[in-house]
N, C-alpha and C. Protein backbone atom coordinates (compact mmCIF):
# COMPACT_ATOMS: atom_id res chain seq x y z
N MET A 1 -170.47 203.81 173.97
CA MET A 1 -171.83 204.07 174.24
C MET A 1 -172.50 204.74 173.02
N GLN A 2 -173.68 204.37 172.69
CA GLN A 2 -174.43 204.93 171.58
C GLN A 2 -174.88 206.36 171.87
N ASP A 3 -174.62 207.31 170.97
CA ASP A 3 -175.13 208.72 171.09
C ASP A 3 -176.58 208.73 170.97
N LYS A 4 -177.31 209.06 172.06
CA LYS A 4 -178.79 209.07 172.09
C LYS A 4 -179.38 210.16 171.27
N ARG A 5 -178.57 211.12 170.82
CA ARG A 5 -179.12 212.18 170.05
C ARG A 5 -179.43 211.68 168.59
N PHE A 6 -178.81 210.57 168.20
CA PHE A 6 -179.07 210.04 166.86
C PHE A 6 -179.48 208.58 166.98
N PRO A 7 -180.59 208.22 166.56
CA PRO A 7 -181.00 206.77 166.59
C PRO A 7 -180.11 205.98 165.76
N SER A 8 -180.05 204.72 166.07
CA SER A 8 -179.13 203.80 165.32
C SER A 8 -179.45 203.79 163.83
N SER A 9 -180.68 203.83 163.45
CA SER A 9 -181.05 203.77 162.05
C SER A 9 -180.57 205.00 161.30
N GLN A 10 -180.59 206.15 161.95
CA GLN A 10 -180.12 207.38 161.36
C GLN A 10 -178.62 207.35 161.15
N ASN A 11 -177.92 206.75 162.16
CA ASN A 11 -176.52 206.64 162.03
C ASN A 11 -176.05 205.71 160.85
N ASP A 12 -176.91 204.63 160.74
CA ASP A 12 -176.62 203.71 159.67
C ASP A 12 -176.84 204.36 158.28
N ASP A 13 -177.95 205.14 158.19
CA ASP A 13 -178.19 205.83 156.91
C ASP A 13 -177.08 206.84 156.58
N LEU A 14 -176.63 207.57 157.59
CA LEU A 14 -175.59 208.56 157.33
C LEU A 14 -174.30 207.86 156.93
N SER A 15 -174.02 206.73 157.55
CA SER A 15 -172.82 205.96 157.22
C SER A 15 -172.97 205.51 155.77
N THR A 16 -174.11 205.04 155.40
CA THR A 16 -174.30 204.52 154.00
C THR A 16 -174.11 205.62 152.96
N VAL A 17 -174.65 206.82 153.27
CA VAL A 17 -174.49 207.95 152.35
C VAL A 17 -173.02 208.35 152.22
N MET A 18 -172.33 208.38 153.36
CA MET A 18 -170.94 208.79 153.33
C MET A 18 -170.09 207.74 152.56
N ASN A 19 -170.40 206.48 152.81
CA ASN A 19 -169.67 205.43 152.04
C ASN A 19 -169.95 205.46 150.52
N ALA A 20 -171.18 205.70 150.16
CA ALA A 20 -171.53 205.88 148.76
C ALA A 20 -170.82 207.02 148.14
N SER A 21 -170.81 208.15 148.92
CA SER A 21 -170.13 209.38 148.37
C SER A 21 -168.68 209.14 148.21
N GLY A 22 -168.02 208.41 149.17
CA GLY A 22 -166.65 208.14 149.08
C GLY A 22 -166.36 207.22 147.92
N GLN A 23 -167.15 206.25 147.71
CA GLN A 23 -166.98 205.37 146.59
C GLN A 23 -167.13 206.05 145.26
N LYS A 24 -168.06 206.98 145.12
CA LYS A 24 -168.29 207.69 143.91
C LYS A 24 -167.05 208.61 143.63
N ALA A 25 -166.53 209.20 144.67
CA ALA A 25 -165.38 210.11 144.50
C ALA A 25 -164.15 209.32 144.09
N ALA A 26 -164.03 208.15 144.64
CA ALA A 26 -162.90 207.25 144.26
C ALA A 26 -162.98 206.80 142.84
N LEU A 27 -164.23 206.48 142.47
CA LEU A 27 -164.48 206.01 141.08
C LEU A 27 -164.20 207.12 140.09
N GLU A 28 -164.62 208.35 140.40
CA GLU A 28 -164.38 209.54 139.50
C GLU A 28 -162.88 209.81 139.39
N SER A 29 -162.15 209.70 140.49
CA SER A 29 -160.78 209.93 140.55
C SER A 29 -160.01 208.86 139.70
N SER A 30 -160.39 207.59 139.88
CA SER A 30 -159.78 206.49 139.08
C SER A 30 -160.08 206.71 137.57
N ALA A 31 -161.27 207.04 137.23
CA ALA A 31 -161.68 207.32 135.78
C ALA A 31 -160.90 208.44 135.22
N ALA A 32 -160.69 209.50 136.01
CA ALA A 32 -159.98 210.65 135.50
C ALA A 32 -158.50 210.23 135.26
N SER A 33 -157.90 209.44 136.12
CA SER A 33 -156.56 208.94 135.95
C SER A 33 -156.45 208.11 134.70
N VAL A 34 -157.38 207.16 134.52
CA VAL A 34 -157.35 206.36 133.32
C VAL A 34 -157.48 207.12 132.11
N LEU A 35 -158.33 208.09 132.12
CA LEU A 35 -158.58 208.98 130.94
C LEU A 35 -157.29 209.73 130.62
N LYS A 36 -156.71 210.35 131.64
CA LYS A 36 -155.45 211.13 131.45
C LYS A 36 -154.34 210.25 130.80
N ASN A 37 -154.13 209.10 131.42
CA ASN A 37 -153.11 208.15 130.93
C ASN A 37 -153.39 207.66 129.53
N THR A 38 -154.63 207.46 129.23
CA THR A 38 -155.04 206.96 127.95
C THR A 38 -154.70 207.99 126.88
N TYR A 39 -155.20 209.22 127.08
CA TYR A 39 -154.89 210.34 126.10
C TYR A 39 -153.42 210.59 125.92
N LEU A 40 -152.67 210.44 127.03
CA LEU A 40 -151.23 210.70 126.93
C LEU A 40 -150.57 209.58 126.09
N LEU A 41 -150.89 208.34 126.37
CA LEU A 41 -150.32 207.24 125.63
C LEU A 41 -150.76 207.25 124.17
N LEU A 42 -152.08 207.58 123.96
CA LEU A 42 -152.63 207.63 122.63
C LEU A 42 -151.85 208.69 121.82
N GLY A 43 -151.61 209.88 122.38
CA GLY A 43 -150.90 210.89 121.64
C GLY A 43 -149.50 210.43 121.29
N LEU A 44 -148.79 209.77 122.16
CA LEU A 44 -147.44 209.33 121.87
C LEU A 44 -147.41 208.22 120.86
N THR A 45 -148.40 207.31 120.90
CA THR A 45 -148.42 206.20 119.97
C THR A 45 -148.77 206.71 118.57
N ILE A 46 -149.70 207.70 118.54
CA ILE A 46 -150.05 208.26 117.22
C ILE A 46 -148.82 208.96 116.58
N ALA A 47 -148.07 209.67 117.39
CA ALA A 47 -146.83 210.32 116.93
C ALA A 47 -145.90 209.33 116.39
N PHE A 48 -145.65 208.22 117.22
CA PHE A 48 -144.76 207.18 116.80
C PHE A 48 -145.20 206.38 115.54
N SER A 49 -146.49 206.22 115.43
CA SER A 49 -147.06 205.56 114.23
C SER A 49 -146.90 206.49 113.07
N ALA A 50 -147.04 207.77 113.16
CA ALA A 50 -146.88 208.72 112.07
C ALA A 50 -145.41 208.63 111.64
N LEU A 51 -144.45 208.56 112.58
CA LEU A 51 -143.05 208.47 112.20
C LEU A 51 -142.74 207.24 111.44
N THR A 52 -143.26 206.08 111.88
CA THR A 52 -143.02 204.83 111.15
C THR A 52 -143.71 204.81 109.78
N ALA A 53 -144.89 205.50 109.68
CA ALA A 53 -145.51 205.66 108.38
C ALA A 53 -144.63 206.46 107.43
N PHE A 54 -144.06 207.54 107.93
CA PHE A 54 -143.21 208.40 107.09
C PHE A 54 -141.92 207.65 106.62
N LEU A 55 -141.37 206.82 107.49
CA LEU A 55 -140.15 206.11 107.18
C LEU A 55 -140.45 204.93 106.20
N SER A 56 -141.64 204.51 106.17
CA SER A 56 -141.95 203.32 105.28
C SER A 56 -142.70 203.66 104.01
N MET A 57 -142.73 204.95 103.68
CA MET A 57 -143.51 205.42 102.52
C MET A 57 -142.95 204.83 101.22
N ASP A 58 -141.69 204.60 101.15
CA ASP A 58 -141.06 204.05 99.89
C ASP A 58 -140.93 202.53 99.89
N LEU A 59 -141.43 201.86 100.91
CA LEU A 59 -141.36 200.44 101.03
C LEU A 59 -142.54 199.79 100.31
N PRO A 60 -142.41 198.53 99.92
CA PRO A 60 -143.56 197.87 99.31
C PRO A 60 -144.65 197.62 100.36
N ARG A 61 -145.92 197.54 99.92
CA ARG A 61 -147.01 197.28 100.88
C ARG A 61 -146.92 195.83 101.40
N PRO A 62 -147.06 195.71 102.69
CA PRO A 62 -147.12 194.30 103.27
C PRO A 62 -148.37 193.61 102.78
N GLY A 63 -148.27 192.29 102.58
CA GLY A 63 -149.46 191.57 102.14
C GLY A 63 -150.48 191.44 103.21
N PHE A 64 -151.66 191.04 102.77
CA PHE A 64 -152.81 190.91 103.70
C PHE A 64 -152.46 189.97 104.88
N LEU A 65 -151.81 188.84 104.59
CA LEU A 65 -151.55 187.90 105.62
C LEU A 65 -150.55 188.48 106.62
N ILE A 66 -149.51 189.17 106.15
CA ILE A 66 -148.56 189.75 107.05
C ILE A 66 -149.23 190.78 107.96
N THR A 67 -150.05 191.59 107.39
CA THR A 67 -150.80 192.60 108.16
C THR A 67 -151.65 191.97 109.23
N LEU A 68 -152.39 190.92 108.77
CA LEU A 68 -153.33 190.24 109.73
C LEU A 68 -152.63 189.55 110.92
N VAL A 69 -151.53 188.85 110.55
CA VAL A 69 -150.77 188.09 111.60
C VAL A 69 -150.01 189.14 112.50
N GLY A 70 -149.46 190.16 111.94
CA GLY A 70 -148.80 191.17 112.70
C GLY A 70 -149.68 191.92 113.65
N PHE A 71 -150.85 192.26 113.16
CA PHE A 71 -151.78 193.05 113.99
C PHE A 71 -152.28 192.16 115.14
N TYR A 72 -152.86 191.02 114.81
CA TYR A 72 -153.47 190.23 115.88
C TYR A 72 -152.39 189.62 116.83
N GLY A 73 -151.22 189.27 116.27
CA GLY A 73 -150.20 188.79 117.11
C GLY A 73 -149.79 189.81 118.19
N LEU A 74 -149.54 191.09 117.74
CA LEU A 74 -149.19 192.14 118.65
C LEU A 74 -150.37 192.55 119.56
N PHE A 75 -151.52 192.48 119.01
CA PHE A 75 -152.74 192.83 119.83
C PHE A 75 -152.86 191.83 121.03
N PHE A 76 -152.84 190.59 120.77
CA PHE A 76 -153.00 189.60 121.83
C PHE A 76 -151.81 189.64 122.77
N LEU A 77 -150.60 189.97 122.24
CA LEU A 77 -149.45 190.09 123.16
C LEU A 77 -149.66 191.30 124.11
N THR A 78 -150.17 192.40 123.55
CA THR A 78 -150.38 193.60 124.39
C THR A 78 -151.48 193.31 125.41
N ALA A 79 -152.59 192.53 124.97
CA ALA A 79 -153.59 192.28 125.94
C ALA A 79 -153.09 191.43 127.09
N LYS A 80 -152.18 190.48 126.79
CA LYS A 80 -151.59 189.71 127.79
C LYS A 80 -150.71 190.44 128.76
N LEU A 81 -149.96 191.46 128.25
CA LEU A 81 -149.03 192.22 129.03
C LEU A 81 -149.68 193.54 129.54
N ARG A 82 -150.94 193.70 129.44
CA ARG A 82 -151.58 194.97 129.71
C ARG A 82 -151.32 195.51 131.07
N ASN A 83 -151.12 194.66 132.09
CA ASN A 83 -150.92 195.06 133.49
C ASN A 83 -149.47 195.22 133.91
N SER A 84 -148.57 195.12 132.89
CA SER A 84 -147.11 195.25 133.22
C SER A 84 -146.52 196.35 132.37
N PRO A 85 -145.34 196.89 132.72
CA PRO A 85 -144.68 197.92 131.91
C PRO A 85 -144.44 197.48 130.52
N LEU A 86 -144.23 196.20 130.29
CA LEU A 86 -144.01 195.61 128.98
C LEU A 86 -145.23 195.85 128.02
N GLY A 87 -146.36 196.02 128.67
CA GLY A 87 -147.59 196.30 127.84
C GLY A 87 -147.46 197.60 127.11
N ILE A 88 -146.78 198.58 127.73
CA ILE A 88 -146.62 199.88 127.08
C ILE A 88 -145.68 199.70 125.90
N LEU A 89 -144.62 198.99 126.01
CA LEU A 89 -143.72 198.68 124.90
C LEU A 89 -144.43 197.92 123.78
N SER A 90 -145.30 197.02 124.16
CA SER A 90 -146.02 196.25 123.17
C SER A 90 -147.03 197.10 122.46
N THR A 91 -147.58 198.11 123.16
CA THR A 91 -148.47 199.03 122.51
C THR A 91 -147.73 199.88 121.46
N PHE A 92 -146.59 200.31 121.75
CA PHE A 92 -145.76 201.08 120.82
C PHE A 92 -145.38 200.12 119.54
N ALA A 93 -145.11 198.85 119.85
CA ALA A 93 -144.84 197.91 118.79
C ALA A 93 -146.00 197.73 117.87
N LEU A 94 -147.26 197.62 118.50
CA LEU A 94 -148.39 197.46 117.71
C LEU A 94 -148.71 198.66 116.83
N THR A 95 -148.74 199.86 117.42
CA THR A 95 -149.06 201.04 116.73
C THR A 95 -147.98 201.42 115.72
N GLY A 96 -146.72 201.08 116.04
CA GLY A 96 -145.59 201.30 115.08
C GLY A 96 -145.77 200.37 113.87
N PHE A 97 -146.16 199.17 114.06
CA PHE A 97 -146.40 198.19 112.96
C PHE A 97 -147.55 198.72 112.11
N MET A 98 -148.67 199.23 112.78
CA MET A 98 -149.79 199.70 111.97
C MET A 98 -149.38 200.98 111.16
N GLY A 99 -148.46 201.75 111.68
CA GLY A 99 -147.92 202.90 110.98
C GLY A 99 -147.17 202.44 109.79
N TYR A 100 -146.36 201.35 109.91
CA TYR A 100 -145.62 200.83 108.82
C TYR A 100 -146.56 200.27 107.71
N THR A 101 -147.74 199.77 108.07
CA THR A 101 -148.65 199.28 107.05
C THR A 101 -149.27 200.47 106.33
N LEU A 102 -149.31 201.65 106.98
CA LEU A 102 -149.88 202.85 106.37
C LEU A 102 -148.93 203.49 105.43
N GLY A 103 -147.63 203.50 105.76
CA GLY A 103 -146.65 204.21 104.96
C GLY A 103 -146.66 203.96 103.49
N PRO A 104 -146.64 202.75 103.02
CA PRO A 104 -146.66 202.52 101.56
C PRO A 104 -148.00 202.96 100.93
N LEU A 105 -149.14 202.92 101.65
CA LEU A 105 -150.39 203.41 101.13
C LEU A 105 -150.29 204.92 100.92
N ILE A 106 -149.78 205.67 101.94
CA ILE A 106 -149.61 207.11 101.79
C ILE A 106 -148.62 207.36 100.71
N GLY A 107 -147.62 206.56 100.59
CA GLY A 107 -146.57 206.77 99.52
C GLY A 107 -147.23 206.67 98.12
N MET A 108 -148.19 205.82 97.94
CA MET A 108 -148.92 205.67 96.64
C MET A 108 -149.63 206.97 96.34
N PHE A 109 -150.24 207.60 97.35
CA PHE A 109 -150.97 208.87 97.12
C PHE A 109 -150.00 210.00 96.81
N ALA A 110 -148.84 209.94 97.55
CA ALA A 110 -147.80 210.95 97.30
C ALA A 110 -147.31 210.81 95.93
N GLY A 111 -147.05 209.58 95.47
CA GLY A 111 -146.53 209.37 94.12
C GLY A 111 -147.45 209.82 93.04
N ALA A 112 -148.74 209.81 93.36
CA ALA A 112 -149.78 210.13 92.37
C ALA A 112 -150.14 211.66 92.43
N GLY A 113 -149.40 212.29 93.32
CA GLY A 113 -149.70 213.72 93.51
C GLY A 113 -151.00 214.03 94.20
N ALA A 114 -151.41 213.09 95.01
CA ALA A 114 -152.77 213.20 95.64
C ALA A 114 -152.64 213.36 97.20
N MET A 115 -151.53 214.06 97.61
CA MET A 115 -151.39 214.30 99.08
C MET A 115 -152.54 215.12 99.68
N PRO A 116 -153.22 216.03 98.92
CA PRO A 116 -154.40 216.69 99.47
C PRO A 116 -155.47 215.74 99.99
N VAL A 117 -155.60 214.57 99.34
CA VAL A 117 -156.58 213.60 99.73
C VAL A 117 -156.14 213.08 101.11
N VAL A 118 -154.85 212.79 101.27
CA VAL A 118 -154.37 212.31 102.62
C VAL A 118 -154.62 213.32 103.70
N MET A 119 -154.33 214.62 103.39
CA MET A 119 -154.49 215.62 104.41
C MET A 119 -155.96 215.85 104.76
N ASN A 120 -156.81 215.71 103.69
CA ASN A 120 -158.28 215.86 103.96
C ASN A 120 -158.78 214.69 104.85
N ALA A 121 -158.30 213.47 104.55
CA ALA A 121 -158.66 212.35 105.36
C ALA A 121 -158.22 212.43 106.82
N LEU A 122 -156.96 212.98 106.96
CA LEU A 122 -156.40 213.20 108.27
C LEU A 122 -157.14 214.26 109.05
N GLY A 123 -157.55 215.34 108.39
CA GLY A 123 -158.29 216.38 109.07
C GLY A 123 -159.67 215.91 109.43
N LEU A 124 -160.34 215.13 108.54
CA LEU A 124 -161.67 214.67 108.87
C LEU A 124 -161.61 213.65 109.99
N THR A 125 -160.54 212.84 110.07
CA THR A 125 -160.37 211.85 111.13
C THR A 125 -160.18 212.56 112.45
N ALA A 126 -159.39 213.60 112.44
CA ALA A 126 -159.24 214.37 113.72
C ALA A 126 -160.54 215.03 114.15
N PHE A 127 -161.24 215.60 113.12
CA PHE A 127 -162.54 216.18 113.51
C PHE A 127 -163.55 215.29 114.11
N VAL A 128 -163.59 214.04 113.49
CA VAL A 128 -164.50 213.01 114.02
C VAL A 128 -164.09 212.55 115.44
N PHE A 129 -162.86 212.31 115.61
CA PHE A 129 -162.36 211.82 116.96
C PHE A 129 -162.58 212.87 118.03
N PHE A 130 -162.14 214.12 117.76
CA PHE A 130 -162.30 215.11 118.85
C PHE A 130 -163.73 215.46 119.08
N GLY A 131 -164.53 215.53 117.99
CA GLY A 131 -165.97 215.82 118.16
C GLY A 131 -166.70 214.77 118.99
N LEU A 132 -166.37 213.47 118.74
CA LEU A 132 -167.09 212.43 119.40
C LEU A 132 -166.54 212.31 120.90
N SER A 133 -165.27 212.56 121.06
CA SER A 133 -164.67 212.55 122.39
C SER A 133 -165.31 213.69 123.28
N ALA A 134 -165.37 214.85 122.64
CA ALA A 134 -165.93 215.99 123.35
C ALA A 134 -167.38 215.75 123.77
N TYR A 135 -168.11 215.10 122.87
CA TYR A 135 -169.55 214.81 123.18
C TYR A 135 -169.61 213.81 124.34
N ALA A 136 -168.80 212.79 124.28
CA ALA A 136 -168.81 211.86 125.39
C ALA A 136 -168.32 212.43 126.65
N LEU A 137 -167.38 213.24 126.63
CA LEU A 137 -166.83 213.83 127.90
C LEU A 137 -167.82 214.89 128.43
N THR A 138 -168.54 215.56 127.60
CA THR A 138 -169.46 216.60 128.02
C THR A 138 -170.70 216.03 128.59
N THR A 139 -171.26 215.08 127.91
CA THR A 139 -172.54 214.49 128.35
C THR A 139 -172.32 213.45 129.43
N ARG A 140 -171.13 212.79 129.40
CA ARG A 140 -170.84 211.75 130.41
C ARG A 140 -171.88 210.61 130.31
N LYS A 141 -172.35 210.37 129.16
CA LYS A 141 -173.34 209.31 128.98
C LYS A 141 -172.74 207.93 129.08
N ASP A 142 -173.55 206.90 129.35
CA ASP A 142 -173.14 205.57 129.33
C ASP A 142 -173.50 204.99 128.01
N PHE A 143 -172.54 204.59 127.15
CA PHE A 143 -172.81 204.14 125.86
C PHE A 143 -172.82 202.60 125.77
N ASN A 144 -173.08 201.95 126.85
CA ASN A 144 -173.09 200.44 126.80
C ASN A 144 -174.12 199.87 125.88
N PHE A 145 -175.14 200.70 125.56
CA PHE A 145 -176.21 200.25 124.64
C PHE A 145 -175.68 200.04 123.27
N LEU A 146 -174.43 200.59 122.97
CA LEU A 146 -173.89 200.36 121.67
C LEU A 146 -173.18 199.02 121.48
N GLY A 147 -173.10 198.29 122.60
CA GLY A 147 -172.36 197.05 122.57
C GLY A 147 -172.98 196.03 121.59
N GLY A 148 -174.31 195.97 121.53
CA GLY A 148 -174.93 195.07 120.58
C GLY A 148 -174.70 195.47 119.16
N PHE A 149 -174.78 196.80 118.89
CA PHE A 149 -174.54 197.38 117.63
C PHE A 149 -173.10 197.00 117.06
N LEU A 150 -172.18 197.14 118.05
CA LEU A 150 -170.75 196.89 117.65
C LEU A 150 -170.50 195.40 117.34
N THR A 151 -171.12 194.55 118.10
CA THR A 151 -171.00 193.10 117.86
C THR A 151 -171.58 192.71 116.49
N ALA A 152 -172.80 193.19 116.23
CA ALA A 152 -173.45 192.88 114.95
C ALA A 152 -172.72 193.55 113.82
N GLY A 153 -172.32 194.79 114.00
CA GLY A 153 -171.54 195.55 112.91
C GLY A 153 -170.19 194.80 112.60
N PHE A 154 -169.54 194.27 113.61
CA PHE A 154 -168.29 193.55 113.36
C PHE A 154 -168.53 192.36 112.40
N PHE A 155 -169.54 191.55 112.65
CA PHE A 155 -169.77 190.40 111.82
C PHE A 155 -170.24 190.77 110.45
N VAL A 156 -171.02 191.85 110.36
CA VAL A 156 -171.59 192.35 109.02
C VAL A 156 -170.34 192.82 108.18
N LEU A 157 -169.48 193.54 108.80
CA LEU A 157 -168.33 194.05 108.06
C LEU A 157 -167.33 192.95 107.66
N ILE A 158 -167.12 191.97 108.48
CA ILE A 158 -166.31 190.84 108.18
C ILE A 158 -166.93 190.10 106.99
N GLY A 159 -168.25 189.89 107.04
CA GLY A 159 -168.96 189.15 106.00
C GLY A 159 -168.88 189.91 104.68
N ALA A 160 -168.98 191.27 104.74
CA ALA A 160 -168.92 192.06 103.53
C ALA A 160 -167.48 191.99 102.90
N MET A 161 -166.50 191.99 103.80
CA MET A 161 -165.08 191.88 103.29
C MET A 161 -164.87 190.57 102.60
N VAL A 162 -165.36 189.44 103.20
CA VAL A 162 -165.18 188.21 102.62
C VAL A 162 -165.92 188.13 101.30
N LEU A 163 -167.07 188.69 101.22
CA LEU A 163 -167.86 188.75 99.99
C LEU A 163 -167.06 189.49 98.90
N GLY A 164 -166.47 190.61 99.38
CA GLY A 164 -165.73 191.43 98.33
C GLY A 164 -164.54 190.65 97.80
N MET A 165 -164.01 189.67 98.48
CA MET A 165 -162.84 188.92 97.95
C MET A 165 -163.24 188.00 96.84
N PHE A 166 -164.45 187.63 96.74
CA PHE A 166 -164.89 186.66 95.77
C PHE A 166 -165.92 187.18 94.73
N THR A 167 -166.35 188.46 94.90
CA THR A 167 -167.23 189.04 93.92
C THR A 167 -166.71 190.43 93.50
N GLN A 168 -167.34 190.97 92.48
CA GLN A 168 -167.00 192.26 91.93
C GLN A 168 -168.26 193.18 92.00
N ILE A 169 -168.87 193.24 93.15
CA ILE A 169 -170.08 194.08 93.23
C ILE A 169 -169.66 195.57 93.23
N ALA A 170 -170.27 196.32 92.36
CA ALA A 170 -169.94 197.69 92.16
C ALA A 170 -170.29 198.48 93.44
N GLY A 171 -169.22 199.26 93.93
CA GLY A 171 -169.45 200.12 95.06
C GLY A 171 -169.38 199.43 96.38
N LEU A 172 -169.14 198.13 96.45
CA LEU A 172 -169.06 197.40 97.71
C LEU A 172 -168.01 197.94 98.57
N HIS A 173 -166.78 198.13 98.05
CA HIS A 173 -165.68 198.60 98.87
C HIS A 173 -165.98 199.98 99.48
N LEU A 174 -166.74 200.85 98.79
CA LEU A 174 -167.10 202.11 99.32
C LEU A 174 -168.09 201.94 100.47
N MET A 175 -169.03 201.00 100.33
CA MET A 175 -170.01 200.68 101.39
C MET A 175 -169.30 200.16 102.60
N ILE A 176 -168.28 199.30 102.33
CA ILE A 176 -167.54 198.71 103.53
C ILE A 176 -166.78 199.85 104.20
N SER A 177 -166.17 200.76 103.43
CA SER A 177 -165.45 201.86 104.03
C SER A 177 -166.34 202.73 104.89
N ALA A 178 -167.52 203.10 104.29
CA ALA A 178 -168.51 203.86 105.06
C ALA A 178 -168.92 203.12 106.31
N GLY A 179 -169.11 201.84 106.20
CA GLY A 179 -169.50 200.97 107.38
C GLY A 179 -168.43 201.06 108.47
N PHE A 180 -167.13 201.05 108.08
CA PHE A 180 -166.07 201.11 109.08
C PHE A 180 -166.03 202.46 109.71
N VAL A 181 -166.38 203.54 109.00
CA VAL A 181 -166.40 204.80 109.58
C VAL A 181 -167.45 204.91 110.73
N LEU A 182 -168.67 204.41 110.41
CA LEU A 182 -169.73 204.40 111.34
C LEU A 182 -169.41 203.48 112.58
N PHE A 183 -168.93 202.28 112.27
CA PHE A 183 -168.52 201.33 113.29
C PHE A 183 -167.54 201.90 114.23
N SER A 184 -166.43 202.43 113.70
CA SER A 184 -165.33 203.03 114.46
C SER A 184 -165.75 204.24 115.27
N SER A 185 -166.67 205.06 114.69
CA SER A 185 -167.20 206.19 115.41
C SER A 185 -167.98 205.71 116.68
N ALA A 186 -168.80 204.69 116.51
CA ALA A 186 -169.57 204.10 117.64
C ALA A 186 -168.61 203.52 118.64
N ALA A 187 -167.45 202.94 118.20
CA ALA A 187 -166.51 202.31 119.09
C ALA A 187 -165.82 203.41 119.93
N ILE A 188 -165.56 204.58 119.35
CA ILE A 188 -164.94 205.68 120.07
C ILE A 188 -165.92 206.14 121.20
N LEU A 189 -167.20 206.32 120.90
CA LEU A 189 -168.14 206.70 121.89
C LEU A 189 -168.28 205.62 123.02
N TYR A 190 -168.25 204.35 122.59
CA TYR A 190 -168.42 203.24 123.56
C TYR A 190 -167.17 203.17 124.53
N GLN A 191 -165.99 203.29 123.92
CA GLN A 191 -164.78 203.17 124.71
C GLN A 191 -164.62 204.44 125.63
N THR A 192 -164.85 205.62 125.13
CA THR A 192 -164.70 206.81 125.97
C THR A 192 -165.72 206.79 127.06
N GLY A 193 -166.96 206.38 126.79
CA GLY A 193 -167.99 206.26 127.82
C GLY A 193 -167.59 205.25 128.91
N ALA A 194 -166.94 204.16 128.45
CA ALA A 194 -166.50 203.15 129.45
C ALA A 194 -165.45 203.68 130.33
N ILE A 195 -164.54 204.50 129.82
CA ILE A 195 -163.48 205.13 130.63
C ILE A 195 -164.07 206.09 131.65
N ILE A 196 -164.99 206.92 131.22
CA ILE A 196 -165.57 208.02 132.07
C ILE A 196 -166.35 207.39 133.16
N ASN A 197 -167.11 206.29 132.90
CA ASN A 197 -167.96 205.73 133.93
C ASN A 197 -167.36 204.61 134.65
N GLY A 198 -166.07 204.34 134.52
CA GLY A 198 -165.39 203.35 135.30
C GLY A 198 -165.46 201.95 134.82
N GLY A 199 -165.99 201.81 133.56
CA GLY A 199 -166.10 200.44 133.06
C GLY A 199 -164.76 199.97 132.46
N GLU A 200 -163.89 200.86 132.11
CA GLU A 200 -162.54 200.49 131.62
C GLU A 200 -161.50 201.04 132.61
N ARG A 201 -160.78 200.13 133.19
CA ARG A 201 -159.76 200.55 134.23
C ARG A 201 -158.32 200.39 133.75
N ASN A 202 -158.12 199.87 132.50
CA ASN A 202 -156.79 199.65 131.96
C ASN A 202 -156.53 200.57 130.78
N TYR A 203 -155.66 201.54 131.03
CA TYR A 203 -155.42 202.59 129.97
C TYR A 203 -154.68 202.02 128.72
N VAL A 204 -153.93 200.92 128.91
CA VAL A 204 -153.29 200.32 127.72
C VAL A 204 -154.32 199.76 126.75
N MET A 205 -155.32 199.02 127.27
CA MET A 205 -156.33 198.50 126.43
C MET A 205 -157.22 199.61 125.88
N ALA A 206 -157.46 200.65 126.63
CA ALA A 206 -158.34 201.75 126.15
C ALA A 206 -157.59 202.45 125.02
N THR A 207 -156.25 202.61 125.19
CA THR A 207 -155.41 203.25 124.11
C THR A 207 -155.49 202.47 122.84
N ILE A 208 -155.35 201.10 122.91
CA ILE A 208 -155.42 200.27 121.69
C ILE A 208 -156.71 200.41 121.01
N SER A 209 -157.82 200.38 121.81
CA SER A 209 -159.16 200.44 121.24
C SER A 209 -159.37 201.73 120.52
N LEU A 210 -158.97 202.88 121.10
CA LEU A 210 -159.17 204.13 120.47
C LEU A 210 -158.23 204.25 119.22
N TYR A 211 -157.00 203.79 119.31
CA TYR A 211 -156.06 203.87 118.21
C TYR A 211 -156.62 203.13 116.98
N VAL A 212 -157.11 201.90 117.22
CA VAL A 212 -157.64 201.06 116.14
C VAL A 212 -158.83 201.76 115.47
N SER A 213 -159.65 202.40 116.25
CA SER A 213 -160.79 203.11 115.76
C SER A 213 -160.38 204.29 114.86
N ILE A 214 -159.33 205.03 115.32
CA ILE A 214 -158.82 206.15 114.59
C ILE A 214 -158.18 205.66 113.26
N TYR A 215 -157.45 204.62 113.38
CA TYR A 215 -156.77 203.99 112.22
C TYR A 215 -157.81 203.60 111.17
N ASN A 216 -158.85 202.93 111.56
CA ASN A 216 -159.87 202.48 110.65
C ASN A 216 -160.60 203.65 110.02
N ILE A 217 -160.92 204.71 110.75
CA ILE A 217 -161.53 205.89 110.18
C ILE A 217 -160.68 206.51 109.15
N PHE A 218 -159.38 206.69 109.45
CA PHE A 218 -158.46 207.31 108.50
C PHE A 218 -158.38 206.50 107.28
N VAL A 219 -158.13 205.23 107.34
CA VAL A 219 -157.94 204.35 106.11
C VAL A 219 -159.26 204.34 105.34
N SER A 220 -160.36 204.31 105.99
CA SER A 220 -161.67 204.26 105.35
C SER A 220 -161.94 205.57 104.60
N LEU A 221 -161.61 206.67 105.20
CA LEU A 221 -161.80 208.00 104.55
C LEU A 221 -160.84 208.20 103.42
N LEU A 222 -159.63 207.62 103.52
CA LEU A 222 -158.70 207.60 102.34
C LEU A 222 -159.36 206.87 101.17
N SER A 223 -159.98 205.72 101.46
CA SER A 223 -160.61 204.96 100.35
C SER A 223 -161.77 205.71 99.78
N ILE A 224 -162.52 206.39 100.61
CA ILE A 224 -163.75 207.11 100.07
C ILE A 224 -163.34 208.34 99.28
N LEU A 225 -162.42 209.10 99.89
CA LEU A 225 -161.99 210.32 99.24
C LEU A 225 -161.14 210.07 97.98
N GLY A 226 -160.32 209.02 98.14
CA GLY A 226 -159.42 208.63 97.00
C GLY A 226 -160.21 208.21 95.77
N SER A 227 -161.41 207.52 95.98
CA SER A 227 -162.16 207.03 94.86
C SER A 227 -162.83 208.18 94.06
N ASN A 228 -162.89 209.37 94.66
CA ASN A 228 -163.48 210.52 94.04
C ASN A 228 -162.40 211.46 93.48
N ASP A 229 -161.16 211.09 93.63
CA ASP A 229 -160.05 211.93 93.24
C ASP A 229 -159.83 211.78 91.76
């Protein structure tokens, strides 16, 4: 029997509000879980990547083709396995491989007595990442509007890299490095905002996205700072 103290329309409105409140709470709980798992996995993979970089410092640098095939092969494998425990192992394989590609580069700086450049690049990378992450977490903004910029920026950077292979334009590599810093910084905001607002539900893919952004910022800053050394 309907409770006559509350008209049917009022009951419906109350039910709608309660359902919306419950859905919001569930979304926030899910986002918090994805964020926690992402940062945990990101921290572990960065540590593993640093270890492989250290162990490979004395090895010869892998060629461009090996780096490209290794990265995209492991990336697509991880994307395919993202919903299974094997996706975590694939994530470590990918980040470990990227650490291996960094090792010989860092070894070159070490051999030239330029480790302060590496440390400065590392410190600036950490500052950029934590600063942008803190901003996204504090403001809880939706950065979906950066999607168009990231798409356009990707093709611009690829075009500039191809141009750099066939020309000797002065300062082009520095402009590309600066472009990667801006592009990757925007990607960190975009990905963190997607996690916070429920747009990203898979912490494996979120981890890869953030790791690649951090990697690109670090390598780009090495290039910029190293050119002034």
